[in-house]
Amino acid sequence: MTLPARYTITMPGTSGSHAPPEVVVVHFTGAYTSNGAPIYSDVPGTFQVEIAGGAARPLAATSGPGQHTCLHAVPLR
């Protein structure tokens, strides 16, 4: 099975601010979590997620925007 090279991750805007959602493009890093999920990162490498079943879960070691634990992920072709 071939993994998508890139995903868009949608993060909701700040609660109560009516801010639009933020969309971040992440790329496959070639690494996997201990449970076998592929790891994706933004270009600077400051926001890393594991992606499984269309959901992105931020890795604790990175400082991504917001405090969300489950984000919508869409593969890019």
Protein backbone atom coordinates (compact mmCIF):
# COMPACT_ATOMS: atom_id res chain seq x y z
CA MET A 1 0.00 0.00 0.00
CA THR A 2 1.35 3.41 -0.99
CA LEU A 3 0.97 6.20 1.55
CA PRO A 4 -0.10 9.65 0.39
CA ALA A 5 2.92 11.97 0.23
CA ARG A 6 0.94 14.96 1.56
CA TYR A 7 -2.20 15.77 3.55
CA THR A 8 -4.06 18.92 4.40
CA ILE A 9 -4.88 19.23 8.08
CA THR A 10 -7.76 21.52 9.07
CA MET A 11 -7.57 23.18 12.47
CA PRO A 12 -10.57 25.08 13.82
CA GLY A 13 -10.22 28.80 14.47
CA THR A 14 -9.89 30.10 18.01
CA SER A 15 -13.04 29.47 20.03
CA GLY A 16 -15.26 32.51 20.35
CA SER A 17 -13.31 34.58 17.83
CA HIS A 18 -15.21 33.55 14.69
CA ALA A 19 -11.81 33.09 13.05
CA PRO A 20 -11.70 30.91 9.94
CA PRO A 21 -10.10 27.48 10.19
CA GLU A 22 -6.39 27.18 9.45
CA VAL A 23 -5.26 24.66 6.84
CA VAL A 24 -1.74 23.23 7.06
CA VAL A 25 -0.08 20.99 4.47
CA VAL A 26 2.03 18.20 5.96
CA HIS A 27 4.45 15.84 4.19
CA PHE A 28 5.34 12.22 5.00
CA THR A 29 8.61 12.16 6.95
CA GLY A 30 9.49 8.52 6.31
CA ALA A 31 9.13 7.81 10.03
CA TYR A 32 6.48 5.86 11.91
CA THR A 33 5.16 5.97 15.48
CA SER A 34 5.71 3.01 17.80
CA ASN A 35 2.23 1.77 16.88
CA GLY A 36 3.03 1.88 13.13
CA ALA A 37 1.20 5.08 12.11
CA PRO A 38 3.02 7.25 9.55
CA ILE A 39 4.37 10.58 10.78
CA TYR A 40 3.74 13.74 8.75
CA SER A 41 5.25 17.20 9.32
CA ASP A 42 4.89 20.77 8.08
CA VAL A 43 7.87 22.23 6.19
CA PRO A 44 9.60 23.82 9.23
CA GLY A 45 9.09 20.59 11.19
CA THR A 46 7.39 22.33 14.10
CA PHE A 47 4.02 20.60 13.64
CA GLN A 48 4.02 16.80 13.43
CA VAL A 49 1.05 14.46 13.34
CA GLU A 50 0.35 10.78 13.04
CA ILE A 51 -2.41 9.99 10.54
CA ALA A 52 -4.73 7.01 10.74
CA GLY A 53 -8.19 6.56 9.26
CA GLY A 54 -8.55 10.15 8.02
CA ALA A 55 -7.72 11.63 11.43
CA ALA A 56 -4.53 13.47 12.34
CA ARG A 57 -3.34 13.34 15.93
CA PRO A 58 -0.66 15.88 16.86
CA LEU A 59 2.46 14.38 18.42
CA ALA A 60 3.16 15.69 21.91
CA ALA A 61 6.77 16.63 21.12
CA THR A 62 5.76 19.31 18.59
CA SER A 63 4.30 22.75 19.06
CA GLY A 64 1.45 22.89 16.59
CA PRO A 65 -1.26 25.50 16.54
CA GLY A 66 -4.05 24.99 19.06
CA GLN A 67 -4.63 22.23 21.57
CA HIS A 68 -6.69 19.87 19.41
CA THR A 69 -6.18 16.13 19.77
CA CYS A 70 -7.99 14.91 16.64
CA LEU A 71 -8.01 16.85 13.37
CA HIS A 72 -9.48 16.25 9.90
CA ALA A 73 -6.89 15.03 7.37
CA VAL A 74 -7.42 14.93 3.59
CA PRO A 75 -4.84 13.32 1.27
CA LEU A 76 -3.48 15.46 -1.56
CA ARG A 77 -2.85 13.94 -4.95
